[in-house]
C-alpha atoms as a PDB file:
ATOM      1  CA  UNK A   1     124.285 120.569 280.460  1.00  0.00           C
ATOM      2  CA  UNK A   2     127.584 119.179 279.222  1.00  0.00           C
ATOM      3  CA  UNK A   3     129.496 116.080 280.170  1.00  0.00           C
ATOM      4  CA  UNK A   4     133.261 115.662 280.427  1.00  0.00           C
ATOM      5  CA  UNK A   5     133.716 114.177 276.947  1.00  0.00           C
ATOM      6  CA  UNK A   6     131.608 116.732 275.098  1.00  0.00           C
ATOM      7  CA  UNK A   7     132.926 119.818 273.387  1.00  0.00           C
ATOM      8  CA  UNK A   8     132.300 123.096 275.190  1.00  0.00           C
ATOM      9  CA  UNK A   9     128.877 124.460 274.297  1.00  0.00           C
ATOM     10  CA  UNK A  10     127.375 121.019 273.584  1.00  0.00           C
ATOM     11  CA  UNK A  11     123.920 120.644 275.071  1.00  0.00           C
ATOM     12  CA  UNK A  12     122.232 117.314 275.837  1.00  0.00           C
ATOM     13  CA  UNK A  13     123.298 113.770 275.148  1.00  0.00           C
ATOM     14  CA  UNK A  14     125.451 112.875 272.193  1.00  0.00           C
ATOM     15  CA  UNK A  15     123.346 111.180 269.488  1.00  0.00           C
ATOM     16  CA  UNK A  16     126.097 109.203 267.744  1.00  0.00           C
ATOM     17  CA  UNK A  17     129.532 108.230 268.934  1.00  0.00           C
ATOM     18  CA  UNK A  18     130.724 106.984 265.532  1.00  0.00           C
ATOM     19  CA  UNK A  19     130.130 108.085 261.967  1.00  0.00           C
ATOM     20  CA  UNK A  20     126.624 107.442 260.729  1.00  0.00           C
ATOM     21  CA  UNK A  21     126.171 105.327 257.617  1.00  0.00           C
ATOM     22  CA  UNK A  22     123.080 104.419 255.657  1.00  0.00           C
ATOM     23  CA  UNK A  23     123.156 100.640 255.706  1.00  0.00           C
ATOM     24  CA  UNK A  24     119.614 100.185 254.407  1.00  0.00           C
ATOM     25  CA  UNK A  25     119.767  99.832 250.661  1.00  0.00           C
ATOM     26  CA  UNK A  26     117.173 101.272 248.333  1.00  0.00           C
ATOM     27  CA  UNK A  27     114.367  98.917 247.245  1.00  0.00           C
ATOM     28  CA  UNK A  28     115.589  96.820 244.334  1.00  0.00           C
ATOM     29  CA  UNK A  29     112.710  94.543 243.277  1.00  0.00           C
ATOM     30  CA  UNK A  30     109.240  95.309 241.982  1.00  0.00           C
ATOM     31  CA  UNK A  31     107.802  94.001 245.266  1.00  0.00           C
ATOM     32  CA  UNK A  32     110.190  96.168 247.335  1.00  0.00           C
ATOM     33  CA  UNK A  33     109.404  99.300 245.339  1.00  0.00           C
ATOM     34  CA  UNK A  34     105.623  98.843 245.552  1.00  0.00           C
ATOM     35  CA  UNK A  35     105.768  97.979 249.256  1.00  0.00           C
ATOM     36  CA  UNK A  36     107.881 101.096 249.849  1.00  0.00           C
ATOM     37  CA  UNK A  37     105.184 103.077 248.010  1.00  0.00           C
ATOM     38  CA  UNK A  38     102.628 101.842 250.542  1.00  0.00           C
ATOM     39  CA  UNK A  39     100.833  99.019 248.731  1.00  0.00           C
ATOM     40  CA  UNK A  40      99.929  95.893 250.690  1.00  0.00           C
ATOM     41  CA  UNK A  41     101.201  92.482 249.610  1.00  0.00           C
ATOM     42  CA  UNK A  42      97.668  91.349 248.688  1.00  0.00           C
ATOM     43  CA  UNK A  43      97.052  94.466 246.579  1.00  0.00           C
ATOM     44  CA  UNK A  44     100.370  93.990 244.767  1.00  0.00           C
ATOM     45  CA  UNK A  45      99.432  90.357 244.021  1.00  0.00           C
ATOM     46  CA  UNK A  46      96.020  91.475 242.682  1.00  0.00           C
ATOM     47  CA  UNK A  47      97.593  93.987 240.311  1.00  0.00           C
ATOM     48  CA  UNK A  48     100.153  91.465 239.058  1.00  0.00           C
ATOM     49  CA  UNK A  49      97.614  88.690 238.471  1.00  0.00           C
ATOM     50  CA  UNK A  50      95.421  91.175 236.571  1.00  0.00           C
ATOM     51  CA  UNK A  51      98.411  92.071 234.347  1.00  0.00           C
ATOM     52  CA  UNK A  52      98.492  95.711 235.432  1.00  0.00           C
ATOM     53  CA  UNK A  53     102.102  95.984 236.655  1.00  0.00           C
ATOM     54  CA  UNK A  54     104.758  97.328 234.282  1.00  0.00           C
ATOM     55  CA  UNK A  55     108.470  98.044 234.622  1.00  0.00           C
ATOM     56  CA  UNK A  56     109.667 100.453 231.946  1.00  0.00           C
ATOM     57  CA  UNK A  57     106.566  99.532 229.928  1.00  0.00           C
ATOM     58  CA  UNK A  58     107.082  95.750 230.096  1.00  0.00           C
ATOM     59  CA  UNK A  59     104.562  93.524 231.939  1.00  0.00           C
ATOM     60  CA  UNK A  60     105.713  92.086 235.261  1.00  0.00           C
ATOM     61  CA  UNK A  61     105.444  88.327 235.677  1.00  0.00           C
ATOM     62  CA  UNK A  62     107.680  88.012 238.746  1.00  0.00           C
ATOM     63  CA  UNK A  63     107.420  90.390 241.707  1.00  0.00           C
ATOM     64  CA  UNK A  64     111.027  89.639 242.613  1.00  0.00           C
ATOM     65  CA  UNK A  65     112.169  90.951 239.232  1.00  0.00           C
ATOM     66  CA  UNK A  66     114.891  93.606 239.599  1.00  0.00           C
ATOM     67  CA  UNK A  67     113.629  97.181 239.527  1.00  0.00           C
ATOM     68  CA  UNK A  68     116.574  99.363 240.536  1.00  0.00           C
ATOM     69  CA  UNK A  69     116.298 103.094 241.054  1.00  0.00           C
ATOM     70  CA  UNK A  70     115.832 104.756 237.697  1.00  0.00           C
ATOM     71  CA  UNK A  71     113.398 102.198 236.318  1.00  0.00           C
ATOM     72  CA  UNK A  72     109.775 103.203 236.054  1.00  0.00           C
ATOM     73  CA  UNK A  73     107.354 100.938 237.950  1.00  0.00           C
ATOM     74  CA  UNK A  74     103.692 101.643 237.209  1.00  0.00           C
ATOM     75  CA  UNK A  75     100.274 100.131 237.719  1.00  0.00           C
ATOM     76  CA  UNK A  76      98.802 100.168 234.237  1.00  0.00           C
ATOM     77  CA  UNK A  77      95.142 101.109 233.857  1.00  0.00           C
ATOM     78  CA  UNK A  78      93.227 101.109 230.633  1.00  0.00           C
END
């Protein structure tokens, strides 16, 4: 089914009237990156207080420390 404003051959409702932009930025802090990876806030806090979080090999002391794309965020185990 087409409506008056649609191009011939268009089926269904139009999804977007304007251009689509990605307004959500990529995670930029250690906390954001670990949350995006699926860790809970309490688990992140446990790993930090135990000294197991590293950004590019350096220990994390502040979860709001910048960790832009390209940096390596790991949970260090011994």
